[in-house]
């Protein structure tokens, strides 16, 4: 049976920040638009900033659905699952915003995360619903380690290459919504 919590308490914050992978779900307002679910990973790239605030590091990658959806309507849900240890699933429903490159607020967020090449933004979520559930059906898996492929690819691109890549791949969402314009 799931439990709704009034806030992200210390136990939930510790659980959320210890998981090496989490999932982000967003959707456009259009009924025929694509619902998006993105896996995100890397220890330390999701932080609990307060009882109703989480943030994660957004790296340059092949799509920008989350950014486009947040810019359009702000709706977002994060899900964190235990693949090791005690079973648990935490869902954080809220309103997200994009703190993009060039935004002065970004400088206040970046020190909370490990350094990664290709930072595109920090996604900040004002959480209005916190819940957890058993996770009994989630398989147990052993964490082997981080993948460094995205970091290597973004390093190889360099700053000019990252700008060109974002212009080519991140300008609009699958549904044509504006996404990355920085």
N, C-alpha and C. Protein backbone atom coordinates (compact mmCIF):
# COMPACT_ATOMS: atom_id res chain seq x y z
N UNK A 1 0.84 -1.18 0.00
CA UNK A 1 0.00 0.00 0.00
C UNK A 1 0.89 1.24 0.00
N UNK A 2 0.63 2.17 -0.90
CA UNK A 2 1.39 3.39 -1.00
C UNK A 2 1.08 4.36 0.13
N UNK A 3 2.03 5.22 0.41
CA UNK A 3 1.88 6.24 1.45
C UNK A 3 2.16 7.60 0.85
N UNK A 4 1.28 8.56 1.12
CA UNK A 4 1.51 9.95 0.72
C UNK A 4 2.10 10.66 1.93
N UNK A 5 3.19 11.38 1.71
CA UNK A 5 3.89 12.07 2.78
C UNK A 5 3.69 13.58 2.64
N UNK A 6 3.71 14.31 3.75
CA UNK A 6 3.54 15.76 3.68
C UNK A 6 4.72 16.47 3.06
N UNK A 7 5.89 15.82 3.05
CA UNK A 7 7.11 16.44 2.53
C UNK A 7 8.16 15.35 2.32
N UNK A 8 9.27 15.74 1.76
CA UNK A 8 10.41 14.83 1.61
C UNK A 8 11.17 14.88 2.94
N UNK A 9 11.01 13.83 3.74
CA UNK A 9 11.69 13.80 5.03
C UNK A 9 13.12 13.28 4.85
N UNK A 10 13.86 13.20 5.95
CA UNK A 10 15.26 12.80 5.88
C UNK A 10 15.43 11.39 5.33
N UNK A 11 14.56 10.46 5.71
CA UNK A 11 14.65 9.08 5.22
C UNK A 11 14.46 9.05 3.71
N UNK A 12 13.44 9.73 3.21
CA UNK A 12 13.18 9.75 1.76
C UNK A 12 14.29 10.48 1.01
N UNK A 13 14.78 11.58 1.57
CA UNK A 13 15.87 12.33 0.92
C UNK A 13 17.11 11.46 0.78
N UNK A 14 17.45 10.73 1.82
CA UNK A 14 18.62 9.84 1.76
C UNK A 14 18.42 8.78 0.70
N UNK A 15 17.24 8.17 0.67
CA UNK A 15 16.95 7.15 -0.34
C UNK A 15 17.06 7.72 -1.75
N UNK A 16 16.41 8.85 -1.99
CA UNK A 16 16.41 9.46 -3.32
C UNK A 16 17.82 9.77 -3.79
N UNK A 17 18.63 10.36 -2.94
CA UNK A 17 19.97 10.77 -3.34
C UNK A 17 20.94 9.61 -3.49
N UNK A 18 20.64 8.46 -2.90
CA UNK A 18 21.54 7.32 -2.99
C UNK A 18 21.33 6.48 -4.26
N UNK A 19 20.22 6.65 -4.94
CA UNK A 19 19.95 5.80 -6.10
C UNK A 19 20.74 6.27 -7.32
N UNK A 20 21.30 5.34 -8.09
CA UNK A 20 22.11 5.72 -9.25
C UNK A 20 21.29 6.02 -10.51
N UNK A 21 20.00 5.77 -10.48
CA UNK A 21 19.16 6.03 -11.65
C UNK A 21 17.78 6.52 -11.17
N UNK A 22 17.18 7.42 -11.96
CA UNK A 22 15.82 7.86 -11.69
C UNK A 22 15.15 8.12 -13.03
N UNK A 23 13.85 8.29 -13.00
CA UNK A 23 13.07 8.46 -14.22
C UNK A 23 12.27 9.74 -14.13
N UNK A 24 12.18 10.45 -15.27
CA UNK A 24 11.49 11.73 -15.35
C UNK A 24 10.36 11.60 -16.37
N UNK A 25 9.15 11.96 -15.98
CA UNK A 25 7.99 11.91 -16.88
C UNK A 25 7.39 13.30 -17.04
N UNK A 26 7.12 13.66 -18.31
CA UNK A 26 6.47 14.92 -18.64
C UNK A 26 5.56 14.70 -19.83
N UNK A 27 4.70 15.66 -20.11
CA UNK A 27 3.81 15.55 -21.26
C UNK A 27 3.41 16.95 -21.72
N UNK A 28 3.17 17.09 -23.02
CA UNK A 28 2.66 18.37 -23.51
C UNK A 28 1.18 18.49 -23.18
N UNK A 29 0.63 19.66 -23.39
CA UNK A 29 -0.80 19.86 -23.17
C UNK A 29 -1.66 19.20 -24.25
N UNK A 30 -1.15 19.12 -25.47
CA UNK A 30 -1.93 18.57 -26.59
C UNK A 30 -2.28 17.12 -26.34
N UNK A 31 -3.55 16.78 -26.57
CA UNK A 31 -4.01 15.41 -26.35
C UNK A 31 -3.29 14.40 -27.24
N UNK A 32 -2.84 14.83 -28.39
CA UNK A 32 -2.14 13.92 -29.29
C UNK A 32 -0.62 14.03 -29.16
N UNK A 33 -0.16 14.74 -28.15
CA UNK A 33 1.28 14.89 -27.95
C UNK A 33 1.90 13.65 -27.33
N UNK A 34 3.20 13.58 -27.40
CA UNK A 34 3.93 12.43 -26.87
C UNK A 34 4.22 12.60 -25.39
N UNK A 35 3.81 11.61 -24.59
CA UNK A 35 4.22 11.55 -23.20
C UNK A 35 5.67 11.08 -23.20
N UNK A 36 6.49 11.69 -22.39
CA UNK A 36 7.91 11.34 -22.38
C UNK A 36 8.32 10.80 -21.02
N UNK A 37 9.10 9.73 -21.03
CA UNK A 37 9.73 9.19 -19.83
C UNK A 37 11.21 9.05 -20.14
N UNK A 38 12.04 9.70 -19.37
CA UNK A 38 13.48 9.68 -19.60
C UNK A 38 14.21 9.08 -18.41
N UNK A 39 15.10 8.12 -18.66
CA UNK A 39 15.96 7.65 -17.58
C UNK A 39 17.09 8.66 -17.38
N UNK A 40 17.43 8.90 -16.17
CA UNK A 40 18.53 9.80 -15.83
C UNK A 40 19.44 9.07 -14.86
N UNK A 41 20.70 9.40 -14.87
CA UNK A 41 21.58 8.67 -13.99
C UNK A 41 22.83 9.43 -13.65
N UNK A 42 23.60 8.79 -12.82
CA UNK A 42 24.83 9.35 -12.30
C UNK A 42 24.63 9.73 -10.86
N UNK A 43 25.38 9.11 -9.99
CA UNK A 43 25.26 9.45 -8.57
C UNK A 43 25.55 10.94 -8.38
N UNK A 44 24.71 11.55 -7.57
CA UNK A 44 24.90 12.96 -7.27
C UNK A 44 24.22 13.91 -8.23
N UNK A 45 23.59 13.38 -9.30
CA UNK A 45 22.95 14.29 -10.26
C UNK A 45 21.51 14.62 -9.89
N UNK A 46 20.98 14.00 -8.83
CA UNK A 46 19.66 14.34 -8.29
C UNK A 46 19.87 14.69 -6.83
N UNK A 47 19.47 15.92 -6.45
CA UNK A 47 19.64 16.36 -5.07
C UNK A 47 18.30 16.81 -4.49
N UNK A 48 18.16 16.59 -3.21
CA UNK A 48 17.02 17.12 -2.47
C UNK A 48 17.48 18.42 -1.85
N UNK A 49 16.85 19.51 -2.26
CA UNK A 49 17.25 20.84 -1.81
C UNK A 49 16.39 21.35 -0.66
N UNK A 50 15.33 20.63 -0.33
CA UNK A 50 14.45 21.03 0.75
C UNK A 50 13.28 20.06 0.82
N UNK A 51 12.40 20.25 1.78
CA UNK A 51 11.29 19.30 1.95
C UNK A 51 10.29 19.28 0.79
N UNK A 52 10.34 20.30 -0.07
CA UNK A 52 9.46 20.36 -1.22
C UNK A 52 10.20 20.75 -2.50
N UNK A 53 11.52 20.53 -2.52
CA UNK A 53 12.31 20.91 -3.70
C UNK A 53 13.37 19.86 -4.00
N UNK A 54 13.41 19.44 -5.27
CA UNK A 54 14.51 18.62 -5.77
C UNK A 54 15.03 19.27 -7.03
N UNK A 55 16.24 18.90 -7.41
CA UNK A 55 16.82 19.42 -8.64
C UNK A 55 17.73 18.35 -9.23
N UNK A 56 17.83 18.37 -10.56
CA UNK A 56 18.78 17.45 -11.18
C UNK A 56 19.53 18.14 -12.30
N UNK A 57 20.72 17.62 -12.54
CA UNK A 57 21.62 18.13 -13.56
C UNK A 57 21.15 17.61 -14.92
N UNK A 58 20.93 18.54 -15.84
CA UNK A 58 20.47 18.19 -17.19
C UNK A 58 21.65 18.34 -18.14
N UNK A 59 22.03 17.22 -18.76
CA UNK A 59 23.20 17.21 -19.65
C UNK A 59 22.77 17.19 -21.10
N UNK A 60 23.61 17.75 -21.96
CA UNK A 60 23.35 17.74 -23.39
C UNK A 60 23.25 16.30 -23.86
N UNK A 61 22.12 15.97 -24.50
CA UNK A 61 21.87 14.62 -25.00
C UNK A 61 20.96 14.73 -26.22
N UNK A 62 20.48 13.60 -26.69
CA UNK A 62 19.81 13.54 -27.99
C UNK A 62 18.44 14.20 -28.04
N UNK A 63 17.77 14.39 -26.94
CA UNK A 63 16.44 14.99 -26.96
C UNK A 63 16.31 16.09 -25.93
N UNK A 64 15.20 16.80 -26.02
CA UNK A 64 14.95 17.89 -25.07
C UNK A 64 13.45 17.94 -24.73
N UNK A 65 12.83 16.77 -24.65
CA UNK A 65 11.39 16.73 -24.37
C UNK A 65 11.05 17.34 -23.03
N UNK A 66 11.82 16.98 -22.00
CA UNK A 66 11.52 17.51 -20.66
C UNK A 66 11.56 19.03 -20.66
N UNK A 67 12.59 19.59 -21.25
CA UNK A 67 12.71 21.05 -21.29
C UNK A 67 11.52 21.66 -22.03
N UNK A 68 11.16 21.10 -23.18
CA UNK A 68 10.03 21.63 -23.96
C UNK A 68 8.73 21.56 -23.17
N UNK A 69 8.48 20.43 -22.52
CA UNK A 69 7.23 20.27 -21.76
C UNK A 69 7.20 21.21 -20.56
N UNK A 70 8.32 21.34 -19.88
CA UNK A 70 8.35 22.25 -18.73
C UNK A 70 8.14 23.69 -19.15
N UNK A 71 8.72 24.05 -20.27
CA UNK A 71 8.53 25.42 -20.76
C UNK A 71 7.07 25.66 -21.14
N UNK A 72 6.39 24.62 -21.60
CA UNK A 72 4.99 24.78 -21.99
C UNK A 72 4.05 24.76 -20.79
N UNK A 73 4.25 23.79 -19.86
CA UNK A 73 3.23 23.63 -18.82
C UNK A 73 3.77 23.32 -17.43
N UNK A 74 5.04 23.00 -17.29
CA UNK A 74 5.64 22.80 -15.97
C UNK A 74 5.38 21.48 -15.29
N UNK A 75 4.49 20.64 -15.81
CA UNK A 75 4.15 19.38 -15.12
C UNK A 75 5.29 18.37 -15.22
N UNK A 76 5.60 17.73 -14.08
CA UNK A 76 6.69 16.76 -14.05
C UNK A 76 6.50 15.79 -12.89
N UNK A 77 6.91 14.56 -13.11
CA UNK A 77 6.98 13.55 -12.06
C UNK A 77 8.32 12.86 -12.14
N UNK A 78 8.97 12.70 -11.00
CA UNK A 78 10.20 11.92 -10.91
C UNK A 78 9.89 10.64 -10.16
N UNK A 79 10.48 9.53 -10.61
CA UNK A 79 10.31 8.26 -9.93
C UNK A 79 11.69 7.67 -9.66
N UNK A 80 11.88 7.23 -8.43
CA UNK A 80 13.14 6.63 -8.02
C UNK A 80 12.81 5.25 -7.46
N UNK A 81 13.51 4.22 -7.96
CA UNK A 81 13.26 2.84 -7.54
C UNK A 81 14.51 2.27 -6.88
N UNK A 82 14.29 1.41 -5.90
CA UNK A 82 15.39 0.65 -5.30
C UNK A 82 15.59 -0.61 -6.13
N UNK A 83 16.78 -0.76 -6.68
CA UNK A 83 17.13 -2.00 -7.38
C UNK A 83 17.99 -2.88 -6.49
N UNK A 84 18.53 -2.31 -5.42
CA UNK A 84 19.30 -3.05 -4.43
C UNK A 84 18.68 -2.79 -3.06
N UNK A 85 18.92 -3.67 -2.13
CA UNK A 85 18.45 -3.46 -0.76
C UNK A 85 16.95 -3.57 -0.63
N UNK A 86 16.43 -2.89 0.37
CA UNK A 86 15.00 -2.93 0.68
C UNK A 86 14.20 -2.35 -0.48
N UNK A 87 13.12 -3.03 -0.92
CA UNK A 87 12.33 -2.51 -2.04
C UNK A 87 11.61 -1.22 -1.66
N UNK A 88 11.60 -0.29 -2.61
CA UNK A 88 10.91 0.98 -2.40
C UNK A 88 10.81 1.72 -3.73
N UNK A 89 9.74 2.45 -3.91
CA UNK A 89 9.56 3.35 -5.04
C UNK A 89 9.11 4.68 -4.47
N UNK A 90 9.77 5.76 -4.89
CA UNK A 90 9.37 7.11 -4.47
C UNK A 90 8.97 7.88 -5.72
N UNK A 91 7.81 8.52 -5.65
CA UNK A 91 7.34 9.39 -6.73
C UNK A 91 7.24 10.81 -6.20
N UNK A 92 7.76 11.74 -6.99
CA UNK A 92 7.73 13.16 -6.64
C UNK A 92 7.00 13.89 -7.76
N UNK A 93 5.78 14.33 -7.48
CA UNK A 93 4.97 15.05 -8.46
C UNK A 93 5.14 16.54 -8.20
N UNK A 94 5.27 17.32 -9.26
CA UNK A 94 5.43 18.74 -9.02
C UNK A 94 5.41 19.59 -10.27
N UNK A 95 5.91 20.78 -10.08
CA UNK A 95 6.04 21.75 -11.16
C UNK A 95 7.53 22.04 -11.32
N UNK A 96 8.00 21.86 -12.56
CA UNK A 96 9.42 22.04 -12.80
C UNK A 96 9.70 23.30 -13.59
N UNK A 97 10.94 23.73 -13.46
CA UNK A 97 11.40 24.87 -14.24
C UNK A 97 12.84 24.61 -14.66
N UNK A 98 13.20 25.24 -15.76
CA UNK A 98 14.52 25.06 -16.35
C UNK A 98 15.40 26.24 -15.96
N UNK A 99 16.51 25.95 -15.32
CA UNK A 99 17.52 26.96 -15.03
C UNK A 99 18.64 26.70 -16.04
N UNK A 100 18.63 27.47 -17.11
CA UNK A 100 19.47 27.20 -18.29
C UNK A 100 20.83 27.87 -18.22
N UNK A 101 21.71 27.43 -19.11
CA UNK A 101 22.98 28.11 -19.29
C UNK A 101 22.71 29.59 -19.53
N UNK A 102 23.51 30.44 -18.91
CA UNK A 102 23.32 31.87 -19.06
C UNK A 102 22.42 32.48 -18.00
N UNK A 103 21.65 31.65 -17.30
CA UNK A 103 20.78 32.15 -16.23
C UNK A 103 21.66 32.34 -14.98
N UNK A 104 21.66 33.54 -14.38
CA UNK A 104 22.50 33.78 -13.19
C UNK A 104 22.22 32.80 -12.05
N UNK A 105 21.00 32.27 -11.97
CA UNK A 105 20.66 31.33 -10.91
C UNK A 105 21.42 30.01 -11.04
N UNK A 106 21.88 29.70 -12.24
CA UNK A 106 22.60 28.44 -12.47
C UNK A 106 23.84 28.35 -11.58
N UNK A 107 24.52 29.47 -11.38
CA UNK A 107 25.73 29.48 -10.55
C UNK A 107 25.46 29.05 -9.12
N UNK A 108 24.25 29.27 -8.63
CA UNK A 108 23.90 28.85 -7.28
C UNK A 108 23.61 27.35 -7.21
N UNK A 109 23.18 26.76 -8.31
CA UNK A 109 22.83 25.34 -8.34
C UNK A 109 24.02 24.44 -8.64
N UNK A 110 24.89 24.83 -9.55
CA UNK A 110 25.95 23.93 -10.03
C UNK A 110 26.86 23.36 -8.93
N UNK A 111 27.21 24.11 -7.88
CA UNK A 111 28.08 23.53 -6.85
C UNK A 111 27.46 22.33 -6.11
N UNK A 112 26.16 22.12 -6.25
CA UNK A 112 25.50 20.99 -5.58
C UNK A 112 25.73 19.66 -6.30
N UNK A 113 26.28 19.73 -7.51
CA UNK A 113 26.40 18.54 -8.36
C UNK A 113 27.86 18.26 -8.68
N UNK A 114 28.17 16.98 -8.99
CA UNK A 114 29.51 16.70 -9.50
C UNK A 114 29.68 17.34 -10.88
N UNK A 115 30.91 17.64 -11.23
CA UNK A 115 31.17 18.26 -12.53
C UNK A 115 30.96 17.24 -13.65
N UNK A 116 30.32 17.71 -14.71
CA UNK A 116 30.10 16.92 -15.93
C UNK A 116 30.25 17.85 -17.12
N UNK A 117 30.86 17.37 -18.20
CA UNK A 117 30.88 18.19 -19.42
C UNK A 117 29.50 18.19 -20.06
N UNK A 118 29.18 19.27 -20.76
CA UNK A 118 27.93 19.31 -21.50
C UNK A 118 26.71 19.68 -20.68
N UNK A 119 26.90 20.33 -19.54
CA UNK A 119 25.74 20.77 -18.75
C UNK A 119 24.90 21.69 -19.63
N UNK A 120 23.60 21.39 -19.67
CA UNK A 120 22.66 22.16 -20.48
C UNK A 120 21.78 23.02 -19.57
N UNK A 121 21.49 22.50 -18.38
CA UNK A 121 20.60 23.20 -17.45
C UNK A 121 20.56 22.45 -16.13
N UNK A 122 19.89 23.02 -15.16
CA UNK A 122 19.47 22.33 -13.95
C UNK A 122 17.95 22.40 -13.96
N UNK A 123 17.32 21.26 -13.74
CA UNK A 123 15.87 21.21 -13.65
C UNK A 123 15.51 21.26 -12.17
N UNK A 124 14.75 22.26 -11.77
CA UNK A 124 14.34 22.44 -10.39
C UNK A 124 12.85 22.11 -10.30
N UNK A 125 12.49 21.26 -9.34
CA UNK A 125 11.11 20.81 -9.19
C UNK A 125 10.57 21.24 -7.84
N UNK A 126 9.49 22.00 -7.88
CA UNK A 126 8.72 22.31 -6.67
C UNK A 126 7.75 21.17 -6.48
N UNK A 127 8.00 20.34 -5.47
CA UNK A 127 7.26 19.09 -5.26
C UNK A 127 6.00 19.37 -4.45
N UNK A 128 4.85 18.97 -5.00
CA UNK A 128 3.59 19.16 -4.27
C UNK A 128 2.97 17.84 -3.82
N UNK A 129 3.49 16.71 -4.30
CA UNK A 129 3.00 15.40 -3.83
C UNK A 129 4.19 14.46 -3.72
N UNK A 130 4.35 13.88 -2.53
CA UNK A 130 5.43 12.94 -2.25
C UNK A 130 4.79 11.63 -1.84
N UNK A 131 5.15 10.55 -2.53
CA UNK A 131 4.60 9.26 -2.14
C UNK A 131 5.65 8.18 -2.30
N UNK A 132 5.49 7.12 -1.52
CA UNK A 132 6.31 5.95 -1.74
C UNK A 132 5.43 4.72 -1.67
N UNK A 133 5.92 3.66 -2.29
CA UNK A 133 5.19 2.39 -2.31
C UNK A 133 6.20 1.26 -2.22
N UNK A 134 5.69 0.06 -2.14
CA UNK A 134 6.51 -1.09 -1.78
C UNK A 134 7.61 -1.44 -2.77
N UNK A 135 7.36 -1.41 -4.04
CA UNK A 135 8.37 -1.82 -5.00
C UNK A 135 8.65 -3.31 -5.00
N UNK A 136 7.72 -4.12 -4.50
CA UNK A 136 7.95 -5.56 -4.39
C UNK A 136 8.19 -6.23 -5.74
N UNK A 137 7.65 -5.68 -6.82
CA UNK A 137 7.81 -6.31 -8.14
C UNK A 137 9.01 -5.77 -8.92
N UNK A 138 9.69 -4.77 -8.39
CA UNK A 138 10.87 -4.24 -9.05
C UNK A 138 12.02 -5.23 -8.85
N UNK A 139 12.66 -5.67 -9.93
CA UNK A 139 13.71 -6.68 -9.78
C UNK A 139 14.92 -6.15 -9.02
N UNK A 140 15.60 -7.07 -8.36
CA UNK A 140 16.87 -6.74 -7.71
C UNK A 140 17.95 -6.79 -8.77
N UNK A 141 18.78 -5.77 -8.79
CA UNK A 141 19.90 -5.74 -9.72
C UNK A 141 21.12 -5.19 -9.00
N UNK A 142 22.28 -5.66 -9.39
CA UNK A 142 23.50 -5.16 -8.79
C UNK A 142 24.01 -3.96 -9.56
N UNK A 143 24.38 -2.93 -8.83
CA UNK A 143 24.97 -1.74 -9.42
C UNK A 143 26.44 -2.04 -9.71
N UNK A 144 26.82 -1.93 -10.95
CA UNK A 144 28.19 -2.23 -11.36
C UNK A 144 29.03 -0.97 -11.43
N UNK A 145 28.45 0.12 -11.89
CA UNK A 145 29.20 1.37 -11.96
C UNK A 145 28.57 2.34 -12.94
N UNK A 146 29.15 3.53 -12.99
CA UNK A 146 28.67 4.58 -13.88
C UNK A 146 29.13 4.31 -15.31
N UNK A 147 28.37 4.77 -16.27
CA UNK A 147 28.81 4.79 -17.67
C UNK A 147 29.40 6.17 -17.92
N UNK A 148 30.50 6.21 -18.63
CA UNK A 148 31.15 7.49 -18.91
C UNK A 148 31.00 7.91 -20.37
N UNK A 149 30.14 7.24 -21.10
CA UNK A 149 30.01 7.47 -22.54
C UNK A 149 29.51 8.88 -22.85
N UNK A 150 28.46 9.34 -22.14
CA UNK A 150 27.94 10.69 -22.41
C UNK A 150 28.98 11.75 -22.08
N UNK A 151 29.65 11.60 -20.94
CA UNK A 151 30.69 12.57 -20.58
C UNK A 151 31.79 12.60 -21.64
N UNK A 152 32.22 11.45 -22.11
CA UNK A 152 33.26 11.40 -23.15
C UNK A 152 32.77 12.06 -24.44
N UNK A 153 31.54 11.75 -24.83
CA UNK A 153 30.99 12.35 -26.06
C UNK A 153 30.89 13.86 -25.94
N UNK A 154 30.43 14.36 -24.81
CA UNK A 154 30.30 15.81 -24.62
C UNK A 154 31.66 16.49 -24.53
N UNK A 155 32.64 15.83 -23.93
CA UNK A 155 34.00 16.37 -23.89
C UNK A 155 34.56 16.44 -25.30
N UNK A 156 34.36 15.39 -26.06
CA UNK A 156 34.87 15.34 -27.44
C UNK A 156 34.25 16.45 -28.31
N UNK A 157 32.99 16.76 -28.08
CA UNK A 157 32.33 17.81 -28.88
C UNK A 157 32.94 19.18 -28.63
N UNK A 158 33.37 19.45 -27.40
CA UNK A 158 33.87 20.77 -27.06
C UNK A 158 32.73 21.78 -27.02
N UNK A 159 33.02 22.98 -26.57
CA UNK A 159 31.97 23.99 -26.40
C UNK A 159 31.26 24.34 -27.71
N UNK A 160 32.02 24.57 -28.76
CA UNK A 160 31.40 24.91 -30.06
C UNK A 160 30.57 23.74 -30.58
N UNK A 161 31.10 22.54 -30.43
CA UNK A 161 30.37 21.36 -30.88
C UNK A 161 29.09 21.13 -30.10
N UNK A 162 29.12 21.41 -28.79
CA UNK A 162 27.92 21.29 -27.96
C UNK A 162 26.85 22.28 -28.42
N UNK A 163 27.27 23.51 -28.70
CA UNK A 163 26.32 24.52 -29.19
C UNK A 163 25.68 24.06 -30.51
N UNK A 164 26.50 23.56 -31.42
CA UNK A 164 26.00 23.09 -32.71
C UNK A 164 25.07 21.89 -32.53
N UNK A 165 25.45 20.98 -31.65
CA UNK A 165 24.63 19.79 -31.39
C UNK A 165 23.27 20.17 -30.82
N UNK A 166 23.28 21.06 -29.81
CA UNK A 166 22.01 21.50 -29.22
C UNK A 166 21.15 22.20 -30.25
N UNK A 167 21.76 22.98 -31.12
CA UNK A 167 21.01 23.66 -32.18
C UNK A 167 20.38 22.65 -33.14
N UNK A 168 21.10 21.59 -33.44
CA UNK A 168 20.60 20.57 -34.37
C UNK A 168 19.60 19.63 -33.72
N UNK A 169 19.87 19.17 -32.51
CA UNK A 169 19.09 18.09 -31.90
C UNK A 169 18.13 18.53 -30.79
N UNK A 170 18.34 19.70 -30.19
CA UNK A 170 17.58 20.07 -29.00
C UNK A 170 16.70 21.31 -29.17
N UNK A 171 16.62 21.85 -30.36
CA UNK A 171 15.89 23.08 -30.60
C UNK A 171 14.38 22.90 -30.36
N UNK A 172 13.84 21.75 -30.77
CA UNK A 172 12.39 21.49 -30.66
C UNK A 172 12.14 20.08 -30.16
N UNK A 173 10.98 19.88 -29.55
CA UNK A 173 10.59 18.56 -29.07
C UNK A 173 10.04 17.73 -30.24
N UNK A 174 9.73 16.48 -29.96
CA UNK A 174 9.12 15.61 -30.97
C UNK A 174 7.83 16.22 -31.53
N UNK A 175 7.12 16.95 -30.69
CA UNK A 175 5.85 17.55 -31.08
C UNK A 175 6.01 18.96 -31.64
N UNK A 176 7.25 19.41 -31.81
CA UNK A 176 7.49 20.73 -32.38
C UNK A 176 7.48 21.87 -31.39
N UNK A 177 7.44 21.55 -30.09
CA UNK A 177 7.47 22.62 -29.08
C UNK A 177 8.87 23.18 -28.94
N UNK A 178 9.01 24.48 -28.66
CA UNK A 178 10.35 25.04 -28.47
C UNK A 178 11.01 24.41 -27.24
N UNK A 179 12.28 24.09 -27.38
CA UNK A 179 13.02 23.48 -26.27
C UNK A 179 14.25 24.33 -25.96
N UNK A 180 15.42 23.89 -26.41
CA UNK A 180 16.66 24.59 -26.08
C UNK A 180 16.90 25.72 -27.06
N UNK A 181 17.05 26.92 -26.55
CA UNK A 181 17.36 28.07 -27.41
C UNK A 181 18.55 28.84 -26.86
N UNK A 182 19.42 28.13 -26.17
CA UNK A 182 20.63 28.74 -25.61
C UNK A 182 21.84 27.95 -26.01
